[in-house]
């Protein structure tokens, strides 16, 4: 069991996941987002390689257009 804090909310997953899988789980595929893991920005090029582990603190920021 993997427990993550995502934008301050605890969520549990049955098995380890990577950032790409998290984005799919959160229904954010195709959106302009930034992911921070334990205070460090995760480069988009590493999303599929970056495995999340129990206790990670994740912040997801979604870019919103407007004027």
C-alpha atoms as a PDB file:
ATOM      1  CA  UNK A   1       0.000   0.000   0.000  1.00  0.00           C
ATOM      2  CA  UNK A   2       1.323   3.429  -0.979  1.00  0.00           C
ATOM      3  CA  UNK A   3      -0.018   6.531   0.755  1.00  0.00           C
ATOM      4  CA  UNK A   4       0.579   9.897  -0.916  1.00  0.00           C
ATOM      5  CA  UNK A   5      -0.301  13.414   0.123  1.00  0.00           C
ATOM      6  CA  UNK A   6      -1.658  15.062  -3.027  1.00  0.00           C
ATOM      7  CA  UNK A   7      -2.325  18.785  -2.658  1.00  0.00           C
ATOM      8  CA  UNK A   8      -2.771  18.190   1.069  1.00  0.00           C
ATOM      9  CA  UNK A   9      -5.190  15.256   0.694  1.00  0.00           C
ATOM     10  CA  UNK A  10      -4.118  11.719   1.597  1.00  0.00           C
ATOM     11  CA  UNK A  11      -4.742   9.086  -1.075  1.00  0.00           C
ATOM     12  CA  UNK A  12      -3.864   5.407  -1.028  1.00  0.00           C
ATOM     13  CA  UNK A  13      -2.833   3.209  -3.932  1.00  0.00           C
ATOM     14  CA  UNK A  14      -2.573  -0.567  -4.027  1.00  0.00           C
ATOM     15  CA  UNK A  15       0.895  -0.552  -5.577  1.00  0.00           C
ATOM     16  CA  UNK A  16       3.649   1.938  -6.467  1.00  0.00           C
ATOM     17  CA  UNK A  17       2.816   4.262  -9.351  1.00  0.00           C
ATOM     18  CA  UNK A  18       4.782   6.696 -11.463  1.00  0.00           C
ATOM     19  CA  UNK A  19       3.900  10.328 -12.154  1.00  0.00           C
ATOM     20  CA  UNK A  20       2.285   9.505 -15.523  1.00  0.00           C
ATOM     21  CA  UNK A  21      -0.035   6.999 -13.830  1.00  0.00           C
ATOM     22  CA  UNK A  22      -0.887   9.569 -11.164  1.00  0.00           C
ATOM     23  CA  UNK A  23      -1.797  12.106 -13.857  1.00  0.00           C
ATOM     24  CA  UNK A  24      -4.107   9.522 -15.455  1.00  0.00           C
ATOM     25  CA  UNK A  25      -5.633   8.688 -12.056  1.00  0.00           C
ATOM     26  CA  UNK A  26      -6.358  12.389 -11.487  1.00  0.00           C
ATOM     27  CA  UNK A  27      -7.805  12.769 -15.018  1.00  0.00           C
ATOM     28  CA  UNK A  28      -5.252  15.440 -15.911  1.00  0.00           C
ATOM     29  CA  UNK A  29      -3.806  13.947 -19.123  1.00  0.00           C
ATOM     30  CA  UNK A  30      -3.459  16.620 -21.799  1.00  0.00           C
ATOM     31  CA  UNK A  31      -3.683  19.523 -19.360  1.00  0.00           C
ATOM     32  CA  UNK A  32      -0.874  21.978 -18.725  1.00  0.00           C
ATOM     33  CA  UNK A  33       0.392  20.971 -15.305  1.00  0.00           C
ATOM     34  CA  UNK A  34       3.441  21.097 -13.073  1.00  0.00           C
ATOM     35  CA  UNK A  35       4.232  18.364 -10.546  1.00  0.00           C
ATOM     36  CA  UNK A  36       6.254  18.912  -7.411  1.00  0.00           C
ATOM     37  CA  UNK A  37       7.449  15.913  -5.396  1.00  0.00           C
ATOM     38  CA  UNK A  38       8.749  16.561  -1.881  1.00  0.00           C
ATOM     39  CA  UNK A  39       9.583  20.164  -2.766  1.00  0.00           C
ATOM     40  CA  UNK A  40      11.301  19.402  -6.092  1.00  0.00           C
ATOM     41  CA  UNK A  41       9.802  20.010  -9.535  1.00  0.00           C
ATOM     42  CA  UNK A  42       9.606  16.811 -11.594  1.00  0.00           C
ATOM     43  CA  UNK A  43      10.631  17.500 -15.210  1.00  0.00           C
ATOM     44  CA  UNK A  44       7.994  16.387 -17.724  1.00  0.00           C
ATOM     45  CA  UNK A  45      10.626  14.213 -19.412  1.00  0.00           C
ATOM     46  CA  UNK A  46      10.864  12.118 -16.206  1.00  0.00           C
ATOM     47  CA  UNK A  47       7.133  11.597 -15.539  1.00  0.00           C
ATOM     48  CA  UNK A  48       7.159   7.966 -16.694  1.00  0.00           C
ATOM     49  CA  UNK A  49      10.378   7.185 -14.791  1.00  0.00           C
ATOM     50  CA  UNK A  50       9.630   8.949 -11.502  1.00  0.00           C
ATOM     51  CA  UNK A  51       8.217   6.308  -9.150  1.00  0.00           C
ATOM     52  CA  UNK A  52       6.227   7.610  -6.197  1.00  0.00           C
ATOM     53  CA  UNK A  53       6.790   5.988  -2.820  1.00  0.00           C
ATOM     54  CA  UNK A  54       4.892   5.795   0.429  1.00  0.00           C
ATOM     55  CA  UNK A  55       4.904   9.151   2.227  1.00  0.00           C
ATOM     56  CA  UNK A  56       5.649  11.339  -0.796  1.00  0.00           C
ATOM     57  CA  UNK A  57       4.152  14.838  -0.749  1.00  0.00           C
ATOM     58  CA  UNK A  58       2.880  15.772  -4.209  1.00  0.00           C
ATOM     59  CA  UNK A  59       1.680  19.179  -5.342  1.00  0.00           C
ATOM     60  CA  UNK A  60      -0.109  19.394  -8.666  1.00  0.00           C
ATOM     61  CA  UNK A  61      -0.539  22.824 -10.242  1.00  0.00           C
ATOM     62  CA  UNK A  62      -2.858  23.164 -13.241  1.00  0.00           C
ATOM     63  CA  UNK A  63      -2.287  26.169 -15.504  1.00  0.00           C
ATOM     64  CA  UNK A  64      -5.449  28.183 -16.057  1.00  0.00           C
ATOM     65  CA  UNK A  65      -5.810  30.586 -18.950  1.00  0.00           C
ATOM     66  CA  UNK A  66      -7.651  33.824 -18.673  1.00  0.00           C
ATOM     67  CA  UNK A  67      -7.383  37.482 -19.137  1.00  0.00           C
END
